[in-house]
Each structure stands twice: as C-alpha cells, then as structure tokens.
Amino acid sequence: MEWLKQVVLPGQDNQLLASELELLEVLKQKISASNGLVRELARGDKRVKLLRSIPGLGPFFSVLVAKEIDDISRFRDEKKLCAYAGLVPSTYASGGKVFHGRITKTGNKWLRWAFIEAVQPAISSDADLFAYYERLRIRKDANAARVATARRLLTITYRVLSQQRLYQRRSKRVKRNVVPAALVTS
C-alpha cells in the first residue's frame, strides 16, 4: 500500500490510482465495522460457539445460522430443518411414479446460501466431509455433491444445536495430493 501511494503515473492514471486507493480505505473501514457488528452479535451467544466448531462455519456464518435458525426446537428433526433451508430435492409424482429433481429453493435463502458456501472450507478441513463430497462428485457431479454436502452440514448443525455439544471431527486435515493405494495402478 505504501509503495502504491508513492507511485507516480502519467496523466489521468495517477488520479485513477488515487481514487482507487481512497475507495480501498473506505472499504477497509466498512469491513472493519461489519466485523465489529458480527463480534457484537456473537458475544454471549452459546449457539455461535457451538456452531463455530462445525467445519466451514466461521464467525460470520455462525452468527448468520444462529440468528436464522433461532430456536432449534422449532424443528422436529434434521429433515424439517433441511426443508426449511430449501436443501431438499423437489418431488414430482404422477401415475404411481415418483421423480426427484433439483432442490426446491423454497425456504430460507440465507441458510441455503450459507451452507452451500460453507462446503468448500468444510471439505478442505475435514477428511470425512471431503471423502463424502468426493464420492458424490465422482458418481454424480460437483454441484450435486456440493448440495448434498451442504445438507450433511445442516444435519450436523441440527445435531450440534439440539444436543448442545461441540462438533468433534473423527479425522484431521485432508491430504489432497496423496493418491490412495487402491487407486494406483501399475
């Protein structure tokens, strides 16, 4: 930043750079204020502490999920919570045949967005979730695997909140560059 502030460019480029640097400073202030609000909303909320133990849910998503779900006892089971978030497949039935399609996209769009976005950091830090995601990605496709993993994260969330306990990982960090021996052929 210091180097950019001292760069002298010809003509209008110098004014454009100065304008962009000012914008960057304003954005930094806005981000700082937003982070302060998130910290304030999280303060004293036990649910946020529980949610932070789930892979993929950082400070912002933990507060968002806690506020959007509110009281977990509103939901009879994890399936009801998944339906509330719109992370369940649509169902078409006619003539005794049942077809399952894409997710319904009805329900709480903020929960759905948070859990879809949480998939990437979750599979990067939890080997079990990564294995689940990869199994589905190979069998179906990346989007279907992402949605199914988001649904699994939401199920974990239901259990963590309803049982009032931290999420405990069975395995540590994922080693992505290691090819399992079963997949290596001579």
C-alpha atoms as a PDB file:
ATOM      1  CA  MET A   1       0.000   0.000   0.000  1.00  0.00           C
ATOM      2  CA  GLU A   2       2.814   2.388   0.868  1.00  0.00           C
ATOM      3  CA  TRP A   3       4.504   1.646  -2.441  1.00  0.00           C
ATOM      4  CA  LEU A   4       1.258   2.255  -4.346  1.00  0.00           C
ATOM      5  CA  LYS A   5       0.758   5.582  -2.583  1.00  0.00           C
ATOM      6  CA  GLN A   6       4.189   6.750  -3.761  1.00  0.00           C
ATOM      7  CA  VAL A   7       3.860   5.612  -7.380  1.00  0.00           C
ATOM      8  CA  VAL A   8       3.573   8.481  -9.866  1.00  0.00           C
ATOM      9  CA  LEU A   9       1.775   7.607 -13.077  1.00  0.00           C
ATOM     10  CA  PRO A  10       1.360   9.788 -16.161  1.00  0.00           C
ATOM     11  CA  GLY A  11      -1.779  11.887 -16.708  1.00  0.00           C
ATOM     12  CA  GLN A  12      -5.181  10.564 -15.660  1.00  0.00           C
ATOM     13  CA  ASP A  13      -3.738   7.267 -14.438  1.00  0.00           C
ATOM     14  CA  ASN A  14      -2.387   8.964 -11.312  1.00  0.00           C
ATOM     15  CA  GLN A  15      -5.849  10.362 -10.451  1.00  0.00           C
ATOM     16  CA  LEU A  16      -7.429   6.966 -11.095  1.00  0.00           C
ATOM     17  CA  LEU A  17      -4.926   5.252  -8.789  1.00  0.00           C
ATOM     18  CA  ALA A  18      -5.543   7.838  -6.044  1.00  0.00           C
ATOM     19  CA  SER A  19      -9.295   7.326  -6.413  1.00  0.00           C
ATOM     20  CA  GLU A  20      -8.939   3.540  -6.171  1.00  0.00           C
ATOM     21  CA  LEU A  21      -6.745   3.845  -3.071  1.00  0.00           C
ATOM     22  CA  GLU A  22      -9.373   6.076  -1.424  1.00  0.00           C
ATOM     23  CA  LEU A  23     -12.049   3.525  -2.263  1.00  0.00           C
ATOM     24  CA  LEU A  24      -9.904   0.785  -0.755  1.00  0.00           C
ATOM     25  CA  GLU A  25      -9.600   2.742   2.501  1.00  0.00           C
ATOM     26  CA  VAL A  26     -13.382   3.263   2.667  1.00  0.00           C
ATOM     27  CA  LEU A  27     -13.958  -0.454   2.030  1.00  0.00           C
ATOM     28  CA  LYS A  28     -11.489  -1.364   4.787  1.00  0.00           C
ATOM     29  CA  GLN A  29     -13.455   0.834   7.213  1.00  0.00           C
ATOM     30  CA  LYS A  30     -16.761  -0.771   6.159  1.00  0.00           C
ATOM     31  CA  ILE A  31     -15.332  -4.272   6.564  1.00  0.00           C
ATOM     32  CA  SER A  32     -13.984  -3.371   9.994  1.00  0.00           C
ATOM     33  CA  ALA A  33     -17.394  -2.021  11.052  1.00  0.00           C
ATOM     34  CA  SER A  34     -19.100  -5.154   9.723  1.00  0.00           C
ATOM     35  CA  ASN A  35     -16.673  -7.412  11.598  1.00  0.00           C
ATOM     36  CA  GLY A  36     -17.380  -5.419  14.766  1.00  0.00           C
ATOM     37  CA  LEU A  37     -21.107  -5.970  14.319  1.00  0.00           C
ATOM     38  CA  VAL A  38     -20.580  -9.711  13.862  1.00  0.00           C
ATOM     39  CA  ARG A  39     -18.450  -9.841  17.037  1.00  0.00           C
ATOM     40  CA  GLU A  40     -21.130  -7.909  18.929  1.00  0.00           C
ATOM     41  CA  LEU A  41     -23.907 -10.252  17.767  1.00  0.00           C
ATOM     42  CA  ALA A  42     -21.811 -13.309  18.685  1.00  0.00           C
ATOM     43  CA  ARG A  43     -20.938 -12.071  22.169  1.00  0.00           C
ATOM     44  CA  GLY A  44     -22.639 -14.190  24.816  1.00  0.00           C
ATOM     45  CA  ASP A  45     -24.477 -16.444  22.346  1.00  0.00           C
ATOM     46  CA  LYS A  46     -23.697 -20.063  23.216  1.00  0.00           C
ATOM     47  CA  ARG A  47     -25.143 -21.256  19.897  1.00  0.00           C
ATOM     48  CA  VAL A  48     -22.480 -19.311  17.994  1.00  0.00           C
ATOM     49  CA  LYS A  49     -19.735 -21.021  19.993  1.00  0.00           C
ATOM     50  CA  LEU A  50     -21.255 -24.429  19.197  1.00  0.00           C
ATOM     51  CA  LEU A  51     -21.642 -23.564  15.500  1.00  0.00           C
ATOM     52  CA  ARG A  52     -18.030 -22.378  15.236  1.00  0.00           C
ATOM     53  CA  SER A  53     -16.927 -25.968  15.935  1.00  0.00           C
ATOM     54  CA  ILE A  54     -18.524 -27.126  12.663  1.00  0.00           C
ATOM     55  CA  PRO A  55     -16.147 -27.140   9.667  1.00  0.00           C
ATOM     56  CA  GLY A  56     -16.859 -24.347   7.207  1.00  0.00           C
ATOM     57  CA  LEU A  57     -18.774 -22.142   9.639  1.00  0.00           C
ATOM     58  CA  GLY A  58     -16.593 -19.199  10.545  1.00  0.00           C
ATOM     59  CA  PRO A  59     -17.514 -16.143  12.600  1.00  0.00           C
ATOM     60  CA  PHE A  60     -19.938 -14.628  10.078  1.00  0.00           C
ATOM     61  CA  PHE A  61     -21.748 -17.813   9.062  1.00  0.00           C
ATOM     62  CA  SER A  62     -22.033 -18.939  12.702  1.00  0.00           C
ATOM     63  CA  VAL A  63     -23.855 -15.743  13.632  1.00  0.00           C
ATOM     64  CA  LEU A  64     -25.998 -15.881  10.482  1.00  0.00           C
ATOM     65  CA  VAL A  65     -27.016 -19.502  11.084  1.00  0.00           C
ATOM     66  CA  ALA A  66     -27.733 -18.905  14.793  1.00  0.00           C
ATOM     67  CA  LYS A  67     -29.963 -15.933  14.009  1.00  0.00           C
ATOM     68  CA  GLU A  68     -31.767 -17.567  11.067  1.00  0.00           C
ATOM     69  CA  ILE A  69     -32.468 -20.873  12.843  1.00  0.00           C
ATOM     70  CA  ASP A  70     -33.323 -19.182  16.143  1.00  0.00           C
ATOM     71  CA  ASP A  71     -34.631 -21.926  18.460  1.00  0.00           C
ATOM     72  CA  ILE A  72     -33.660 -25.370  17.163  1.00  0.00           C
ATOM     73  CA  SER A  73     -36.597 -26.965  18.981  1.00  0.00           C
ATOM     74  CA  ARG A  74     -38.865 -25.426  16.308  1.00  0.00           C
ATOM     75  CA  PHE A  75     -37.772 -28.327  14.090  1.00  0.00           C
ATOM     76  CA  ARG A  76     -38.871 -31.871  14.894  1.00  0.00           C
ATOM     77  CA  ASP A  77     -35.832 -33.408  13.183  1.00  0.00           C
ATOM     78  CA  GLU A  78     -32.993 -32.580  10.801  1.00  0.00           C
ATOM     79  CA  LYS A  79     -35.181 -33.277   7.762  1.00  0.00           C
ATOM     80  CA  LYS A  80     -37.518 -30.456   8.770  1.00  0.00           C
ATOM     81  CA  LEU A  81     -34.537 -28.117   9.131  1.00  0.00           C
ATOM     82  CA  CYS A  82     -33.235 -29.124   5.690  1.00  0.00           C
ATOM     83  CA  ALA A  83     -36.682 -28.473   4.214  1.00  0.00           C
ATOM     84  CA  TYR A  84     -36.784 -25.081   5.963  1.00  0.00           C
ATOM     85  CA  ALA A  85     -33.474 -24.200   4.302  1.00  0.00           C
ATOM     86  CA  GLY A  86     -34.646 -25.465   0.896  1.00  0.00           C
ATOM     87  CA  LEU A  87     -31.904 -28.089   0.659  1.00  0.00           C
ATOM     88  CA  VAL A  88     -34.199 -30.994  -0.185  1.00  0.00           C
ATOM     89  CA  PRO A  89     -34.964 -32.383  -3.647  1.00  0.00           C
ATOM     90  CA  SER A  90     -38.208 -31.468  -5.339  1.00  0.00           C
ATOM     91  CA  THR A  91     -40.621 -34.360  -5.835  1.00  0.00           C
ATOM     92  CA  TYR A  92     -42.968 -34.947  -8.743  1.00  0.00           C
ATOM     93  CA  ALA A  93     -45.476 -37.764  -8.513  1.00  0.00           C
ATOM     94  CA  SER A  94     -47.866 -38.867 -11.228  1.00  0.00           C
ATOM     95  CA  GLY A  95     -49.435 -42.159 -12.128  1.00  0.00           C
ATOM     96  CA  GLY A  96     -47.838 -44.025  -9.237  1.00  0.00           C
ATOM     97  CA  LYS A  97     -44.328 -42.923 -10.244  1.00  0.00           C
ATOM     98  CA  VAL A  98     -42.197 -40.582  -8.172  1.00  0.00           C
ATOM     99  CA  PHE A  99     -39.417 -38.418  -9.607  1.00  0.00           C
ATOM    100  CA  HIS A 100     -36.935 -36.423  -7.563  1.00  0.00           C
ATOM    101  CA  GLY A 101     -35.498 -33.290  -9.133  1.00  0.00           C
ATOM    102  CA  ARG A 102     -33.311 -30.366  -8.149  1.00  0.00           C
ATOM    103  CA  ILE A 103     -33.511 -28.675  -4.751  1.00  0.00           C
ATOM    104  CA  THR A 104     -36.741 -26.838  -4.063  1.00  0.00           C
ATOM    105  CA  LYS A 105     -35.151 -23.424  -3.431  1.00  0.00           C
ATOM    106  CA  THR A 106     -38.097 -22.573  -1.230  1.00  0.00           C
ATOM    107  CA  GLY A 107     -37.463 -21.669   2.355  1.00  0.00           C
ATOM    108  CA  ASN A 108     -34.764 -19.603   3.959  1.00  0.00           C
ATOM    109  CA  LYS A 109     -32.410 -18.414   1.229  1.00  0.00           C
ATOM    110  CA  TRP A 110     -29.819 -17.143   3.729  1.00  0.00           C
ATOM    111  CA  LEU A 111     -29.415 -20.556   5.363  1.00  0.00           C
ATOM    112  CA  ARG A 112     -29.235 -22.246   1.963  1.00  0.00           C
ATOM    113  CA  TRP A 113     -26.602 -19.746   0.779  1.00  0.00           C
ATOM    114  CA  ALA A 114     -24.552 -20.046   3.989  1.00  0.00           C
ATOM    115  CA  PHE A 115     -24.371 -23.825   3.859  1.00  0.00           C
ATOM    116  CA  ILE A 116     -23.640 -24.000   0.130  1.00  0.00           C
ATOM    117  CA  GLU A 117     -20.798 -21.509   0.651  1.00  0.00           C
ATOM    118  CA  ALA A 118     -19.543 -23.373   3.728  1.00  0.00           C
ATOM    119  CA  VAL A 119     -18.958 -26.576   1.744  1.00  0.00           C
ATOM    120  CA  GLN A 120     -15.592 -25.550   0.261  1.00  0.00           C
ATOM    121  CA  PRO A 121     -13.872 -24.639   3.540  1.00  0.00           C
ATOM    122  CA  ALA A 122     -15.525 -27.637   5.217  1.00  0.00           C
ATOM    123  CA  ILE A 123     -14.168 -30.186   2.742  1.00  0.00           C
ATOM    124  CA  SER A 124     -10.770 -28.502   2.940  1.00  0.00           C
ATOM    125  CA  SER A 125     -10.552 -29.040   6.676  1.00  0.00           C
ATOM    126  CA  ASP A 126     -12.489 -32.241   7.401  1.00  0.00           C
ATOM    127  CA  ALA A 127     -11.414 -35.543   5.829  1.00  0.00           C
ATOM    128  CA  ASP A 128     -14.781 -37.247   6.361  1.00  0.00           C
ATOM    129  CA  LEU A 129     -16.686 -34.453   4.628  1.00  0.00           C
ATOM    130  CA  PHE A 130     -14.091 -34.411   1.851  1.00  0.00           C
ATOM    131  CA  ALA A 131     -14.494 -38.172   1.320  1.00  0.00           C
ATOM    132  CA  TYR A 132     -18.294 -37.795   1.260  1.00  0.00           C
ATOM    133  CA  TYR A 133     -18.064 -34.928  -1.243  1.00  0.00           C
ATOM    134  CA  GLU A 134     -15.612 -36.775  -3.500  1.00  0.00           C
ATOM    135  CA  ARG A 135     -17.709 -39.948  -3.511  1.00  0.00           C
ATOM    136  CA  LEU A 136     -20.737 -37.963  -4.699  1.00  0.00           C
ATOM    137  CA  ARG A 137     -18.747 -35.812  -7.128  1.00  0.00           C
ATOM    138  CA  ILE A 138     -17.434 -38.907  -8.910  1.00  0.00           C
ATOM    139  CA  ARG A 139     -20.839 -40.600  -9.006  1.00  0.00           C
ATOM    140  CA  LYS A 140     -22.923 -37.532  -9.901  1.00  0.00           C
ATOM    141  CA  ASP A 141     -21.362 -34.095 -10.449  1.00  0.00           C
ATOM    142  CA  ALA A 142     -19.777 -31.276  -8.452  1.00  0.00           C
ATOM    143  CA  ASN A 143     -22.984 -29.277  -7.939  1.00  0.00           C
ATOM    144  CA  ALA A 144     -24.976 -32.260  -6.703  1.00  0.00           C
ATOM    145  CA  ALA A 145     -22.104 -33.163  -4.385  1.00  0.00           C
ATOM    146  CA  ARG A 146     -21.951 -29.590  -3.073  1.00  0.00           C
ATOM    147  CA  VAL A 147     -25.679 -29.539  -2.302  1.00  0.00           C
ATOM    148  CA  ALA A 148     -25.579 -32.964  -0.630  1.00  0.00           C
ATOM    149  CA  THR A 149     -22.579 -31.914   1.468  1.00  0.00           C
ATOM    150  CA  ALA A 150     -24.399 -28.704   2.435  1.00  0.00           C
ATOM    151  CA  ARG A 151     -27.348 -30.847   3.545  1.00  0.00           C
ATOM    152  CA  ARG A 152     -24.944 -33.002   5.605  1.00  0.00           C
ATOM    153  CA  LEU A 153     -23.514 -29.837   7.224  1.00  0.00           C
ATOM    154  CA  LEU A 154     -27.051 -28.736   8.063  1.00  0.00           C
ATOM    155  CA  THR A 155     -27.746 -32.142   9.627  1.00  0.00           C
ATOM    156  CA  ILE A 156     -24.570 -31.767  11.704  1.00  0.00           C
ATOM    157  CA  THR A 157     -25.783 -28.308  12.709  1.00  0.00           C
ATOM    158  CA  TYR A 158     -29.117 -29.701  13.852  1.00  0.00           C
ATOM    159  CA  ARG A 159     -27.415 -32.328  15.993  1.00  0.00           C
ATOM    160  CA  VAL A 160     -24.890 -29.880  17.468  1.00  0.00           C
ATOM    161  CA  LEU A 161     -27.592 -27.381  18.430  1.00  0.00           C
ATOM    162  CA  SER A 162     -30.178 -29.885  19.653  1.00  0.00           C
ATOM    163  CA  GLN A 163     -27.650 -31.838  21.743  1.00  0.00           C
ATOM    164  CA  GLN A 164     -25.855 -28.669  22.908  1.00  0.00           C
ATOM    165  CA  ARG A 165     -22.393 -30.105  22.239  1.00  0.00           C
ATOM    166  CA  LEU A 166     -19.387 -29.159  20.109  1.00  0.00           C
ATOM    167  CA  TYR A 167     -18.807 -30.950  16.821  1.00  0.00           C
ATOM    168  CA  GLN A 168     -15.974 -33.420  17.111  1.00  0.00           C
ATOM    169  CA  ARG A 169     -14.069 -34.380  13.997  1.00  0.00           C
ATOM    170  CA  ARG A 170     -13.146 -38.003  13.580  1.00  0.00           C
ATOM    171  CA  SER A 171     -10.149 -37.170  11.421  1.00  0.00           C
ATOM    172  CA  LYS A 172      -7.852 -34.240  10.907  1.00  0.00           C
ATOM    173  CA  ARG A 173      -6.809 -32.250   7.841  1.00  0.00           C
ATOM    174  CA  VAL A 174      -7.195 -33.623   4.337  1.00  0.00           C
ATOM    175  CA  LYS A 175      -4.101 -34.583   2.351  1.00  0.00           C
ATOM    176  CA  ARG A 176      -5.254 -33.984  -1.213  1.00  0.00           C
ATOM    177  CA  ASN A 177      -2.030 -34.755  -3.024  1.00  0.00           C
ATOM    178  CA  VAL A 178      -1.849 -38.289  -1.695  1.00  0.00           C
ATOM    179  CA  VAL A 179      -3.380 -40.872  -4.012  1.00  0.00           C
ATOM    180  CA  PRO A 180      -4.877 -43.848  -2.142  1.00  0.00           C
ATOM    181  CA  ALA A 181      -3.074 -47.127  -2.811  1.00  0.00           C
ATOM    182  CA  ALA A 182      -6.295 -48.668  -4.115  1.00  0.00           C
ATOM    183  CA  LEU A 183      -6.370 -46.126  -6.975  1.00  0.00           C
ATOM    184  CA  VAL A 184      -2.751 -46.574  -8.025  1.00  0.00           C
ATOM    185  CA  THR A 185      -2.341 -48.972 -10.949  1.00  0.00           C
ATOM    186  CA  SER A 186       0.938 -50.273 -12.272  1.00  0.00           C
END
